[in-house]
C-alpha cells in the first residue's frame, strides 16, 4: 500500500503511526499492571463471565446444554449447566483455547487478547481505508487510515476501556475486519470466517456490523450488483445465516422447537417492552436452569426517547463541541455526496472523491443505528448507548476523520497559492487537525479521570483467608467473588434478616432450588465498585450487625460480614 522509499515525510508518517499504536499498547500494559492483571472499567465483569464460561467448557460436559454458554460460577457438578441463551458468546471459545494452550490465568488471557485485538484492528483499518489524502513529490502517500487509527488509539471512553475487557475486546477487530471484507474484497474463506465469527459474538452488535457493512456493499456495487452480490456479498449472507443456523440448532436441541419459539418471543418482548413479569415466565426458565431477566417496568421504549437519550449521551460522553462536529460531519458528507453524484466536474476533485468513497459507509452505520432504535430500542440503549459500549463510537470516529479531510480539501480549493498549499499539507497531514485531536485527547483524559483504573481490593483476602467459603453480595458480580474463593456466590438483597429464605432468582447455579446450602451462605460482601452509584457500606454493615450478623473485615472500599443464621427470636422479629 505504501511505497518503499524512505524520505522525510515518510519518517514522520511512520513515526507518528508507531507512537499512536505504542500509546494504546502502553495504556493496556499500564492498565494490566496497576490492577494486578485484572483491568476493571465499564462492564469489566464481562471478563470474568467469558473466563468462567471457558473454564466450564473445560471442566464440565458442554453437551449437556448443546454447547451453549454455561454461566454457573460454582465448582461442583450439580450446579452445571446454568445456561445463557441470549447469544453464543464467542469469547468463551477463545478463553477455552488459551487455557488448553497453557495460558490459564485470567490476567494473562486479558493481556494477550487486548494487545492482539488492538493490533488486528489497526491492521484491518490500514487495509480498509487506502484512500490517499496527500501525495508528496517523492511518491509518499498519506492515507485516510492514518486519521482513523489516530482517533481509535487515543479514545479512552469507547475503545481503550473496553479493549481490556476479555469479552468486549473482540468487538473491535470484528467490526473493522468486516469493514475490510467489503472494502478490500479479500478471499472468500476469510470473508466467511469473519462474518461467521461475528454472529457468534453478540447479536445486536452483529446486526449493527452486518447491516452497516452490507448497506455500504450494496451501495458500492449498485451499478453492477449482480456481479458484486455473486461474490463477496453472497459469502457474507451465507456466513451470517450459517452462524445463525448453528446457534438456532443449539437452542432447538436444548429447548425443543416450542421452547425455542417461546424463549425467542419472550426475550425480545422482555428486552424491548415493560410487559414481562418474572412470575409469568419463571416456571419455564426455572425448569431449564436458564438465565433470564424480566422487563423493566419503569422504562419507556418510544423511538423519540431513543433519539433523546442518544443525543444526550453524545453531549455528555463526547462533549458538546465534539458532538456538534460529529453531527456537522454527517450533514457535510451527505451534502458533498449528493453534489458529487449530480455534477460531473466533481469527479476531478479529491474532496468529492473521498466523500463518494467514504460517506456511504458512514451513513450506513448511522442508518443501521437508527433502525436498531426502531426495532430493538431497549437492548440497544441499555446494552450499548448508556454504557457507551462499542457501537456509536464507530460512526463517530469515521465522521470526525472525514471532517478533518473535508476541512483540509475545502481550504485547498479556496487557496490559490500553490506554495501555501504545499506548506499547509506538509504540516497538516502528519499532525491532522490539531484542534479536533486536542479535543479528542482532552475528552479521553477527562473520562479517564472520571473512570480511573479500579483495583478489586478484596481479591487477595478472598483468595487466601476466604478460599473455599461461600458468599452473597448485593453489589459485586458473583463470578468475581467465586473466581478468588473457588466457591459459589450469587447476588442477594443488600440488607436482609436471618429468618427469611434468600431470593434465588439471581443465583446462577442449576441446583439453586434443590441445594439447601445456598440458603445459608457463610459471608456477605459489600464493595464499592465503579459506576454503581452511591453506596455506603458502613451503613449497610451497621444494619446487618444490628440484625445480629458479625462484621469481620472493614477495609477501604469493602466490608465482609459473617452471616448468623441462628439469630435470637427477638432480633428477627424486631
Protein backbone atom coordinates (compact mmCIF):
# COMPACT_ATOMS: atom_id res chain seq x y z
CA UNK A 1 0.00 0.00 0.00
CA UNK A 2 2.84 2.37 0.83
CA UNK A 3 5.93 2.86 -1.29
CA UNK A 4 9.30 1.60 -0.04
CA UNK A 5 11.08 4.90 -0.46
CA UNK A 6 12.15 6.47 2.83
CA UNK A 7 12.02 10.25 2.81
CA UNK A 8 11.47 12.87 5.45
CA UNK A 9 7.70 12.82 5.18
CA UNK A 10 7.71 9.05 5.31
CA UNK A 11 9.69 9.02 8.55
CA UNK A 12 7.19 11.42 10.08
CA UNK A 13 4.31 9.23 8.92
CA UNK A 14 5.76 6.01 10.29
CA UNK A 15 6.97 7.73 13.44
CA UNK A 16 3.57 9.13 14.37
CA UNK A 17 1.86 5.84 13.50
CA UNK A 18 4.27 3.96 15.76
CA UNK A 19 3.75 6.46 18.59
CA UNK A 20 -0.04 6.19 18.36
CA UNK A 21 -0.09 2.40 18.41
CA UNK A 22 2.54 2.34 21.16
CA UNK A 23 0.46 4.70 23.29
CA UNK A 24 -2.50 2.33 23.09
CA UNK A 25 -0.32 -0.67 23.95
CA UNK A 26 1.28 1.24 26.83
CA UNK A 27 -2.19 2.00 28.17
CA UNK A 28 -3.11 -1.69 28.01
CA UNK A 29 0.07 -2.77 29.80
CA UNK A 30 -0.22 0.01 32.39
CA UNK A 31 -3.86 -0.88 33.00
CA UNK A 32 -2.89 -4.51 33.41
CA UNK A 33 -0.04 -3.81 35.84
CA UNK A 34 -1.78 -1.35 38.18
CA UNK A 35 -4.82 -3.63 38.56
CA UNK A 36 -2.78 -6.77 39.25
CA UNK A 37 -3.63 -8.21 35.85
CA UNK A 38 -7.39 -7.67 36.02
CA UNK A 39 -8.29 -4.29 34.44
CA UNK A 40 -11.67 -3.03 35.57
CA UNK A 41 -13.56 -0.27 33.79
CA UNK A 42 -17.15 -0.21 32.48
CA UNK A 43 -18.65 -3.71 32.33
CA UNK A 44 -15.34 -5.38 33.18
CA UNK A 45 -17.34 -8.07 34.99
CA UNK A 46 -17.76 -9.46 31.47
CA UNK A 47 -14.11 -10.54 31.57
CA UNK A 48 -14.96 -12.86 34.44
CA UNK A 49 -18.06 -14.15 32.57
CA UNK A 50 -16.08 -15.04 29.46
CA UNK A 51 -13.40 -16.71 31.55
CA UNK A 52 -15.88 -18.71 33.68
CA UNK A 53 -17.74 -19.87 30.57
CA UNK A 54 -14.46 -21.00 29.02
CA UNK A 55 -13.46 -22.86 32.19
CA UNK A 56 -16.87 -24.53 32.36
CA UNK A 57 -16.39 -25.87 28.83
CA UNK A 58 -13.15 -27.45 30.03
CA UNK A 59 -14.27 -28.78 33.41
CA UNK A 60 -17.89 -29.82 32.76
CA UNK A 61 -19.74 -31.59 29.95
CA UNK A 62 -20.73 -28.96 27.33
CA UNK A 63 -23.00 -31.49 25.59
CA UNK A 64 -25.48 -31.24 28.47
CA UNK A 65 -26.70 -27.90 27.12
CA UNK A 66 -25.76 -28.29 23.44
CA UNK A 67 -22.53 -26.28 23.77
CA UNK A 68 -24.45 -23.17 24.82
CA UNK A 69 -22.73 -20.86 27.33
CA UNK A 70 -22.66 -22.33 30.85
CA UNK A 71 -22.61 -19.37 33.27
CA UNK A 72 -22.63 -21.19 36.60
CA UNK A 73 -19.88 -19.88 38.92
CA UNK A 74 -19.97 -22.85 41.33
CA UNK A 75 -17.34 -25.60 41.04
CA UNK A 76 -19.48 -28.68 41.82
CA UNK A 77 -21.17 -30.85 39.20
CA UNK A 78 -24.75 -30.26 40.34
CA UNK A 79 -24.54 -26.54 39.59
CA UNK A 80 -23.96 -27.15 35.88
CA UNK A 81 -25.05 -26.21 33.35
CA UNK A 82 -26.76 -22.92 34.10
CA UNK A 83 -27.35 -21.73 30.57
CA UNK A 84 -27.19 -18.35 28.90
CA UNK A 85 -29.34 -18.47 25.76
CA UNK A 86 -29.31 -14.86 24.53
CA UNK A 87 -26.15 -15.29 22.47
CA UNK A 88 -23.37 -17.75 21.65
CA UNK A 89 -20.66 -15.70 23.43
CA UNK A 90 -17.68 -16.24 21.14
CA UNK A 91 -15.02 -15.03 23.66
CA UNK A 92 -15.52 -18.13 25.81
CA UNK A 93 -14.12 -20.23 22.96
CA UNK A 94 -11.01 -18.04 22.80
CA UNK A 95 -10.64 -18.31 26.57
CA UNK A 96 -11.03 -22.09 26.33
CA UNK A 97 -8.41 -22.34 23.57
CA UNK A 98 -5.94 -20.20 25.51
CA UNK A 99 -6.43 -22.38 28.57
CA UNK A 100 -5.81 -25.54 26.55
CA UNK A 101 -2.64 -23.94 25.15
CA UNK A 102 -1.38 -23.35 28.66
CA UNK A 103 -2.41 -19.71 29.15
CA UNK A 104 -4.51 -20.47 32.19
CA UNK A 105 -4.76 -17.28 34.22
CA UNK A 106 -7.47 -14.71 33.52
CA UNK A 107 -4.92 -11.90 33.69
CA UNK A 108 -2.67 -13.42 31.02
CA UNK A 109 -5.67 -14.04 28.76
CA UNK A 110 -6.80 -10.42 29.11
CA UNK A 111 -3.33 -9.07 28.28
CA UNK A 112 -2.85 -11.25 25.19
CA UNK A 113 -6.40 -10.69 23.92
CA UNK A 114 -6.20 -6.92 24.39
CA UNK A 115 -2.91 -6.45 22.53
CA UNK A 116 -3.93 -8.98 19.87
CA UNK A 117 -7.29 -7.32 19.19
CA UNK A 118 -5.66 -3.88 19.07
CA UNK A 119 -3.05 -4.94 16.50
CA UNK A 120 -5.65 -6.82 14.45
CA UNK A 121 -7.91 -3.75 14.45
CA UNK A 122 -5.07 -1.48 13.34
CA UNK A 123 -4.14 -3.88 10.53
CA UNK A 124 -7.76 -4.04 9.31
CA UNK A 125 -8.04 -0.24 9.42
CA UNK A 126 -4.82 0.17 7.43
CA UNK A 127 -6.09 -2.17 4.74
CA UNK A 128 -9.67 -0.87 4.76
CA UNK A 129 -9.03 2.82 4.07
CA UNK A 130 -6.34 3.18 1.38
CA UNK A 131 -7.76 6.49 0.11
CA UNK A 132 -4.84 8.86 -0.48
CA UNK A 133 -5.37 12.26 1.10
CA UNK A 134 -1.94 13.65 0.19
CA UNK A 135 0.98 12.58 -2.01
CA UNK A 136 4.47 14.07 -1.92
CA UNK A 137 6.61 14.72 -4.97
CA UNK A 138 8.79 11.79 -3.94
CA UNK A 139 5.87 9.41 -4.08
CA UNK A 140 5.00 9.17 -0.40
CA UNK A 141 1.26 8.71 0.08
CA UNK A 142 -0.70 9.57 3.23
CA UNK A 143 -3.85 7.57 3.68
CA UNK A 144 -7.22 8.09 5.30
CA UNK A 145 -6.45 5.12 7.58
CA UNK A 146 -3.93 7.33 9.40
CA UNK A 147 -6.75 9.52 10.75
CA UNK A 148 -8.90 6.54 11.78
CA UNK A 149 -6.01 4.92 13.65
CA UNK A 150 -5.21 8.18 15.45
CA UNK A 151 -8.77 8.55 16.77
CA UNK A 152 -9.06 4.84 17.50
CA UNK A 153 -5.84 4.59 19.53
CA UNK A 154 -6.41 7.79 21.53
CA UNK A 155 -10.00 7.11 22.55
CA UNK A 156 -10.38 6.00 26.16
CA UNK A 157 -14.15 6.13 26.51
CA UNK A 158 -15.27 3.96 23.60
CA UNK A 159 -12.12 1.98 22.81
CA UNK A 160 -9.36 1.60 25.39
CA UNK A 161 -11.53 0.94 28.44
CA UNK A 162 -13.31 -1.84 26.57
CA UNK A 163 -10.30 -3.29 24.79
CA UNK A 164 -9.05 -4.61 28.16
CA UNK A 165 -12.37 -6.43 28.62
CA UNK A 166 -12.00 -10.12 27.71
CA UNK A 167 -15.47 -10.14 26.15
CA UNK A 168 -15.81 -6.69 24.57
CA UNK A 169 -12.28 -6.63 23.18
CA UNK A 170 -13.31 -8.76 20.19
CA UNK A 171 -15.87 -6.19 19.06
CA UNK A 172 -13.10 -4.05 17.56
CA UNK A 173 -11.27 -6.48 15.23
CA UNK A 174 -14.57 -7.99 14.13
CA UNK A 175 -16.10 -4.63 13.20
CA UNK A 176 -13.03 -3.36 11.37
CA UNK A 177 -12.43 -6.81 9.90
CA UNK A 178 -15.95 -6.92 8.45
CA UNK A 179 -15.43 -3.42 7.01
CA UNK A 180 -12.19 -4.65 5.46
CA UNK A 181 -14.06 -7.59 3.93
CA UNK A 182 -16.38 -5.28 1.97
CA UNK A 183 -13.83 -2.61 1.11
CA UNK A 184 -10.78 -4.72 0.22
CA UNK A 185 -12.61 -7.74 -1.25
CA UNK A 186 -10.39 -10.44 0.32
CA UNK A 187 -10.59 -14.16 -0.40
CA UNK A 188 -13.98 -15.71 0.20
CA UNK A 189 -12.96 -18.11 3.01
CA UNK A 190 -11.69 -15.14 5.05
CA UNK A 191 -14.95 -13.25 4.43
CA UNK A 192 -16.88 -16.32 5.56
CA UNK A 193 -14.80 -16.69 8.72
CA UNK A 194 -15.20 -13.02 9.73
CA UNK A 195 -18.97 -12.93 9.35
CA UNK A 196 -19.44 -16.38 10.86
CA UNK A 197 -17.47 -15.31 13.95
CA UNK A 198 -19.39 -12.01 14.04
CA UNK A 199 -22.68 -13.81 14.65
CA UNK A 200 -21.03 -15.99 17.26
CA UNK A 201 -20.22 -12.89 19.34
CA UNK A 202 -23.39 -10.96 20.19
CA UNK A 203 -26.47 -10.49 18.04
CA UNK A 204 -27.22 -6.79 18.36
CA UNK A 205 -23.62 -5.87 17.62
CA UNK A 206 -23.60 -8.43 14.80
CA UNK A 207 -26.72 -6.86 13.26
CA UNK A 208 -25.18 -3.41 13.55
CA UNK A 209 -21.97 -4.52 11.85
CA UNK A 210 -23.67 -6.67 9.19
CA UNK A 211 -26.21 -4.04 8.16
CA UNK A 212 -23.60 -1.26 8.20
CA UNK A 213 -21.19 -3.21 6.02
CA UNK A 214 -23.81 -4.80 3.79
CA UNK A 215 -25.58 -1.48 3.25
CA UNK A 216 -22.28 0.02 2.12
CA UNK A 217 -21.55 -3.04 -0.03
CA UNK A 218 -24.90 -2.81 -1.84
CA UNK A 219 -24.32 0.90 -2.49
CA UNK A 220 -20.80 0.27 -3.73
CA UNK A 221 -21.97 -2.45 -6.13
CA UNK A 222 -25.30 -0.88 -7.13
CA UNK A 223 -24.27 -0.37 -10.77
CA UNK A 224 -23.08 -3.93 -11.27
CA UNK A 225 -24.89 -5.53 -8.32
CA UNK A 226 -25.30 -8.97 -9.90
CA UNK A 227 -21.55 -9.46 -10.22
CA UNK A 228 -20.85 -7.98 -6.80
CA UNK A 229 -23.56 -9.91 -4.99
CA UNK A 230 -22.41 -13.13 -6.55
CA UNK A 231 -19.03 -13.00 -4.80
CA UNK A 232 -18.35 -11.24 -1.51
CA UNK A 233 -21.99 -10.36 -0.87
CA UNK A 234 -23.09 -13.94 -1.32
CA UNK A 235 -20.41 -15.14 1.07
CA UNK A 236 -21.46 -12.60 3.70
CA UNK A 237 -25.04 -13.84 3.55
CA UNK A 238 -24.01 -17.50 3.65
CA UNK A 239 -21.67 -16.95 6.61
CA UNK A 240 -24.19 -14.93 8.63
CA UNK A 241 -27.02 -17.40 8.02
CA UNK A 242 -24.75 -20.37 8.76
CA UNK A 243 -23.71 -18.86 12.07
CA UNK A 244 -27.32 -18.10 13.00
CA UNK A 245 -28.45 -21.58 12.00
CA UNK A 246 -25.71 -23.07 14.17
CA UNK A 247 -26.95 -21.16 17.21
CA UNK A 248 -30.63 -21.85 16.47
CA UNK A 249 -29.85 -25.56 16.14
CA UNK A 250 -28.18 -25.46 19.56
CA UNK A 251 -31.26 -23.80 21.06
CA UNK A 252 -33.66 -26.31 19.48
CA UNK A 253 -31.56 -29.23 20.74
CA UNK A 254 -31.59 -27.67 24.20
CA UNK A 255 -35.20 -26.43 24.40
CA UNK A 256 -37.11 -28.28 21.71
CA UNK A 257 -38.77 -26.30 18.93
CA UNK A 258 -41.66 -24.97 21.02
CA UNK A 259 -39.32 -23.99 23.80
CA UNK A 260 -37.07 -22.20 21.30
CA UNK A 261 -40.01 -20.15 19.96
CA UNK A 262 -41.17 -19.31 23.49
CA UNK A 263 -37.68 -18.16 24.51
CA UNK A 264 -37.21 -16.12 21.32
CA UNK A 265 -40.50 -14.30 21.74
CA UNK A 266 -40.12 -13.80 25.49
CA UNK A 267 -36.56 -12.50 25.22
CA UNK A 268 -37.48 -9.93 22.59
CA UNK A 269 -40.53 -8.70 24.49
CA UNK A 270 -38.70 -8.61 27.83
CA UNK A 271 -35.77 -6.63 26.43
CA UNK A 272 -37.83 -4.11 24.48
CA UNK A 273 -41.08 -3.62 26.38
CA UNK A 274 -42.14 -3.44 30.03
CA UNK A 275 -44.83 -6.15 29.91
CA UNK A 276 -42.98 -9.33 31.01
CA UNK A 277 -43.10 -10.12 34.73
CA UNK A 278 -40.90 -12.81 36.28
CA UNK A 279 -43.88 -14.67 37.76
CA UNK A 280 -45.34 -15.28 34.31
CA UNK A 281 -42.19 -16.91 32.91
CA UNK A 282 -40.39 -18.26 35.97
CA UNK A 283 -41.62 -21.86 35.62
CA UNK A 284 -40.20 -22.19 32.11
CA UNK A 285 -36.78 -20.73 32.90
CA UNK A 286 -36.50 -22.42 36.28
CA UNK A 287 -37.25 -25.79 34.67
CA UNK A 288 -34.44 -25.31 32.13
CA UNK A 289 -31.97 -23.55 34.50
CA UNK A 290 -31.66 -20.58 32.16
CA UNK A 291 -30.53 -17.02 32.90
CA UNK A 292 -33.34 -14.58 32.19
CA UNK A 293 -34.27 -11.01 33.11
CA UNK A 294 -37.88 -9.81 33.10
CA UNK A 295 -38.93 -6.42 31.75
CA UNK A 296 -38.01 -3.19 33.48
CA UNK A 297 -41.40 -1.61 34.34
CA UNK A 298 -40.07 1.97 34.52
CA UNK A 299 -38.57 2.05 31.03
CA UNK A 300 -40.03 3.97 28.10
CA UNK A 301 -39.30 2.39 24.71
CA UNK A 302 -40.60 5.03 22.30
CA UNK A 303 -38.33 5.97 19.40
CA UNK A 304 -38.49 9.62 20.41
CA UNK A 305 -36.92 8.70 23.75
CA UNK A 306 -34.29 6.63 21.95
CA UNK A 307 -33.29 9.71 19.93
CA UNK A 308 -33.36 11.90 23.04
CA UNK A 309 -31.11 9.55 25.04
CA UNK A 310 -28.74 9.19 22.08
CA UNK A 311 -28.41 12.95 21.73
CA UNK A 312 -27.93 13.43 25.48
CA UNK A 313 -25.20 10.78 25.52
CA UNK A 314 -23.46 12.38 22.54
CA UNK A 315 -23.34 15.61 24.53
CA UNK A 316 -22.34 14.08 27.86
CA UNK A 317 -19.94 11.40 26.62
CA UNK A 318 -18.26 13.26 23.76
CA UNK A 319 -18.66 16.88 24.93
CA UNK A 320 -20.95 19.39 23.17
CA UNK A 321 -18.15 20.51 20.83
CA UNK A 322 -17.28 17.05 19.54
CA UNK A 323 -20.97 16.14 19.31
CA UNK A 324 -21.50 19.24 17.18
CA UNK A 325 -18.55 18.32 14.95
CA UNK A 326 -19.87 14.77 14.59
CA UNK A 327 -23.36 15.91 13.56
CA UNK A 328 -21.89 18.58 11.28
CA UNK A 329 -19.72 16.00 9.55
CA UNK A 330 -22.79 13.84 8.88
CA UNK A 331 -24.54 16.72 7.15
CA UNK A 332 -21.45 17.89 5.24
CA UNK A 333 -20.60 14.40 4.00
CA UNK A 334 -24.18 13.84 2.84
CA UNK A 335 -24.24 17.19 1.05
CA UNK A 336 -20.93 16.52 -0.71
CA UNK A 337 -22.04 13.01 -1.69
CA UNK A 338 -25.21 14.38 -3.31
CA UNK A 339 -23.26 17.04 -5.22
CA UNK A 340 -20.70 14.51 -6.43
CA UNK A 341 -23.46 12.36 -7.90
CA UNK A 342 -25.16 15.28 -9.62
CA UNK A 343 -22.27 17.15 -11.25
CA UNK A 344 -19.65 15.52 -13.47
CA UNK A 345 -16.95 18.15 -12.77
CA UNK A 346 -16.70 16.92 -9.17
CA UNK A 347 -15.04 13.69 -10.30
CA UNK A 348 -11.73 15.50 -10.64
CA UNK A 349 -11.82 16.93 -7.12
CA UNK A 350 -10.32 14.89 -4.27
CA UNK A 351 -12.90 16.37 -1.90
CA UNK A 352 -15.77 14.73 -3.75
CA UNK A 353 -13.88 11.50 -4.50
CA UNK A 354 -13.27 10.91 -0.80
CA UNK A 355 -16.88 11.57 0.15
CA UNK A 356 -18.14 9.34 -2.64
CA UNK A 357 -15.93 6.58 -1.29
CA UNK A 358 -16.38 7.07 2.46
CA UNK A 359 -19.74 8.77 3.09
CA UNK A 360 -21.82 5.68 2.19
CA UNK A 361 -20.10 3.65 4.91
CA UNK A 362 -20.55 6.42 7.46
CA UNK A 363 -24.21 6.88 6.66
CA UNK A 364 -24.80 3.15 6.56
CA UNK A 365 -23.63 2.88 10.19
CA UNK A 366 -25.87 5.79 11.23
CA UNK A 367 -28.96 4.45 9.44
CA UNK A 368 -28.37 1.00 10.93
CA UNK A 369 -28.15 2.50 14.40
CA UNK A 370 -31.48 4.29 13.89
CA UNK A 371 -33.10 1.09 12.62
CA UNK A 372 -31.94 -0.71 15.76
CA UNK A 373 -33.56 2.08 17.76
CA UNK A 374 -36.84 1.40 15.98
CA UNK A 375 -36.75 -2.38 16.29
CA UNK A 376 -34.65 -3.19 19.38
CA UNK A 377 -34.73 0.03 21.43
CA UNK A 378 -34.47 -1.42 24.93
CA UNK A 379 -31.39 -3.55 24.46
CA UNK A 380 -29.66 -1.01 22.20
CA UNK A 381 -29.97 1.66 24.88
CA UNK A 382 -29.28 -0.49 27.91
CA UNK A 383 -26.61 -2.73 26.40
CA UNK A 384 -24.70 -0.12 24.42
CA UNK A 385 -25.72 3.54 24.39
CA UNK A 386 -25.92 4.19 28.15
CA UNK A 387 -22.62 2.37 28.66
CA UNK A 388 -21.06 3.91 25.53
CA UNK A 389 -20.06 0.37 24.67
CA UNK A 390 -18.52 -0.20 21.20
CA UNK A 391 -21.30 0.83 18.79
CA UNK A 392 -21.74 4.57 18.25
CA UNK A 393 -18.00 5.06 18.56
CA UNK A 394 -17.51 3.62 15.07
CA UNK A 395 -19.59 6.21 13.15
CA UNK A 396 -18.18 8.93 15.42
CA UNK A 397 -14.59 8.04 14.50
CA UNK A 398 -15.47 7.78 10.80
CA UNK A 399 -17.27 11.14 10.86
CA UNK A 400 -14.52 13.05 12.66
CA UNK A 401 -11.80 11.63 10.40
CA UNK A 402 -13.83 12.57 7.33
CA UNK A 403 -14.44 16.05 8.70
CA UNK A 404 -10.68 16.62 9.03
CA UNK A 405 -10.16 15.70 5.37
CA UNK A 406 -13.13 17.77 4.22
CA UNK A 407 -11.85 20.83 6.06
CA UNK A 408 -8.43 20.41 4.51
CA UNK A 409 -9.77 19.98 0.99
CA UNK A 410 -12.08 22.97 1.27
CA UNK A 411 -9.08 25.06 2.30
CA UNK A 412 -7.11 23.68 -0.66
CA UNK A 413 -9.87 24.69 -3.05
CA UNK A 414 -10.12 28.21 -1.60
CA UNK A 415 -6.37 28.88 -1.54
CA UNK A 416 -4.81 29.92 -4.83
CA UNK A 417 -1.12 29.89 -3.97
CA UNK A 418 0.48 26.50 -4.70
CA UNK A 419 3.35 27.26 -2.33
CA UNK A 420 0.99 27.91 0.57
CA UNK A 421 -0.99 24.77 -0.28
CA UNK A 422 2.11 22.61 -0.20
CA UNK A 423 3.26 24.03 3.12
CA UNK A 424 -0.21 23.61 4.64
CA UNK A 425 -0.47 20.00 3.52
CA UNK A 426 3.06 19.21 4.65
CA UNK A 427 2.29 20.27 8.23
CA UNK A 428 -1.42 19.41 8.30
CA UNK A 429 -1.34 15.75 7.26
CA UNK A 430 1.25 14.40 9.73
CA UNK A 431 -0.45 16.18 12.64
CA UNK A 432 -4.02 16.26 11.14
CA UNK A 433 -6.37 18.73 12.71
CA UNK A 434 -4.68 19.85 15.92
CA UNK A 435 -7.96 21.34 17.07
CA UNK A 436 -10.00 18.15 16.75
CA UNK A 437 -7.25 15.87 18.02
CA UNK A 438 -6.66 18.08 21.05
CA UNK A 439 -10.35 17.97 21.88
CA UNK A 440 -10.29 14.20 21.49
CA UNK A 441 -7.32 13.79 23.85
CA UNK A 442 -8.82 16.18 26.42
CA UNK A 443 -12.08 14.22 26.29
CA UNK A 444 -10.24 10.93 26.86
CA UNK A 445 -8.20 12.34 29.74
CA UNK A 446 -11.32 13.76 31.40
CA UNK A 447 -13.14 10.46 31.14
CA UNK A 448 -10.13 8.57 32.41
CA UNK A 449 -10.13 10.82 35.47
CA UNK A 450 -13.83 10.10 35.97
CA UNK A 451 -13.40 6.36 35.41
CA UNK A 452 -9.88 5.56 36.61
CA UNK A 453 -8.39 2.10 36.98
CA UNK A 454 -10.26 0.13 39.59
CA UNK A 455 -8.42 -2.39 41.74
CA UNK A 456 -10.52 -5.20 43.18
CA UNK A 457 -9.15 -4.70 46.70
CA UNK A 458 -10.71 -7.76 48.42
CA UNK A 459 -9.17 -10.07 45.81
CA UNK A 460 -6.15 -11.05 47.92
CA UNK A 461 -8.08 -11.81 51.09
CA UNK A 462 -10.80 -13.66 49.16
CA UNK A 463 -8.20 -15.90 47.52
CA UNK A 464 -6.42 -16.66 50.82
CA UNK A 465 -8.33 -16.29 54.07
CA UNK A 466 -11.74 -16.92 52.49
CA UNK A 467 -10.70 -19.55 49.98
CA UNK A 468 -13.38 -22.26 49.85
CA UNK A 469 -16.07 -20.17 51.56
CA UNK A 470 -19.45 -19.20 50.12
CA UNK A 471 -20.55 -15.59 49.62
CA UNK A 472 -23.51 -13.50 48.65
CA UNK A 473 -23.39 -9.84 47.65
CA UNK A 474 -25.77 -7.12 46.60
CA UNK A 475 -23.00 -5.23 44.82
CA UNK A 476 -20.27 -7.49 43.45
CA UNK A 477 -20.58 -9.74 40.40
CA UNK A 478 -20.75 -13.37 41.62
CA UNK A 479 -18.14 -14.56 39.11
CA UNK A 480 -15.64 -12.07 40.54
CA UNK A 481 -16.07 -13.49 44.04
CA UNK A 482 -16.07 -17.17 43.09
CA UNK A 483 -13.02 -16.60 40.85
CA UNK A 484 -10.99 -15.95 44.00
CA UNK A 485 -12.74 -18.12 46.60
CA UNK A 486 -13.26 -21.17 44.38
CA UNK A 487 -16.73 -21.46 45.93
CA UNK A 488 -20.21 -20.46 44.80
CA UNK A 489 -21.53 -16.92 45.11
CA UNK A 490 -24.63 -15.10 43.98
CA UNK A 491 -26.47 -11.78 44.09
CA UNK A 492 -28.65 -11.12 47.12
CA UNK A 493 -30.61 -8.25 48.69
CA UNK A 494 -28.38 -5.52 50.11
CA UNK A 495 -29.68 -5.98 53.67
CA UNK A 496 -31.62 -9.00 54.90
CA UNK A 497 -32.63 -10.62 58.22
CA UNK A 498 -31.65 -14.14 59.13
CA UNK A 499 -35.13 -15.68 59.20
CA UNK A 500 -36.01 -15.27 55.52
CA UNK A 501 -35.07 -17.61 52.68
CA UNK A 502 -32.77 -15.72 50.38
CA UNK A 503 -34.14 -14.98 46.91
CA UNK A 504 -32.54 -17.39 44.44
CA UNK A 505 -33.55 -15.51 41.26
CA UNK A 506 -30.01 -14.26 40.69
CA UNK A 507 -28.27 -17.41 41.86
CA UNK A 508 -26.80 -18.61 38.59
CA UNK A 509 -26.34 -22.26 39.54
CA UNK A 510 -28.51 -25.06 38.18
CA UNK A 511 -29.28 -26.58 41.59
CA UNK A 512 -30.29 -23.29 43.17
CA UNK A 513 -33.74 -24.59 44.16
CA UNK A 514 -32.51 -28.03 45.22
CA UNK A 515 -29.34 -27.43 47.17
CA UNK A 516 -30.26 -26.06 50.64
CA UNK A 517 -26.66 -24.88 51.18
CA UNK A 518 -27.48 -21.83 49.08
CA UNK A 519 -29.97 -20.73 51.73
CA UNK A 520 -27.23 -20.31 54.35
CA UNK A 521 -24.20 -18.65 52.70
CA UNK A 522 -21.30 -18.02 55.05
CA UNK A 523 -20.38 -14.42 54.22
CA UNK A 524 -21.75 -11.22 52.75
CA UNK A 525 -19.53 -8.81 50.74
CA UNK A 526 -20.35 -5.14 50.40
CA UNK A 527 -17.97 -3.49 47.97
CA UNK A 528 -17.87 -0.05 46.40
CA UNK A 529 -17.49 -0.73 42.67
CA UNK A 530 -17.08 1.93 39.97
CA UNK A 531 -20.18 3.31 38.27
CA UNK A 532 -22.68 1.64 40.64
CA UNK A 533 -23.87 4.90 42.13
CA UNK A 534 -23.90 5.91 45.76
CA UNK A 535 -23.22 3.06 48.18
CA UNK A 536 -22.48 3.33 51.91
CA UNK A 537 -21.02 0.01 53.05
CA UNK A 538 -20.62 1.36 56.59
CA UNK A 539 -24.36 1.95 56.85
CA UNK A 540 -25.13 -1.45 55.32
CA UNK A 541 -22.70 -3.15 57.70
CA UNK A 542 -24.28 -1.35 60.67
CA UNK A 543 -27.76 -2.54 59.69
CA UNK A 544 -26.52 -6.11 59.25
CA UNK A 545 -24.74 -6.04 62.63
CA UNK A 546 -27.90 -4.67 64.29
CA UNK A 547 -29.72 -7.72 62.95
CA UNK A 548 -27.18 -9.99 64.61
CA UNK A 549 -24.63 -10.64 61.85
CA UNK A 550 -20.91 -10.15 62.53
CA UNK A 551 -18.58 -7.64 60.83
CA UNK A 552 -15.28 -9.47 60.26
CA UNK A 553 -13.44 -7.28 57.73
CA UNK A 554 -13.56 -3.50 57.45
CA UNK A 555 -11.20 -2.13 54.84
CA UNK A 556 -11.18 0.81 52.45
CA UNK A 557 -13.70 0.04 49.71
CA UNK A 558 -15.30 -3.07 51.19
CA UNK A 559 -16.80 -4.82 54.21
CA UNK A 560 -17.13 -8.57 54.82
CA UNK A 561 -19.85 -9.74 57.19
CA UNK A 562 -20.14 -13.25 58.64
CA UNK A 563 -23.78 -14.26 58.40
CA UNK A 564 -25.50 -15.54 61.52
CA UNK A 565 -28.28 -17.97 60.67
CA UNK A 566 -29.16 -18.59 64.32
CA UNK A 567 -30.41 -15.18 65.30
CA UNK A 568 -32.35 -14.75 68.52
CA UNK A 569 -36.11 -14.65 68.03
CA UNK A 570 -36.38 -11.11 69.40
CA UNK A 571 -33.71 -9.92 66.91
CA UNK A 572 -35.51 -11.48 63.96
CA UNK A 573 -38.93 -10.23 64.94
CA UNK A 574 -37.64 -6.74 65.60
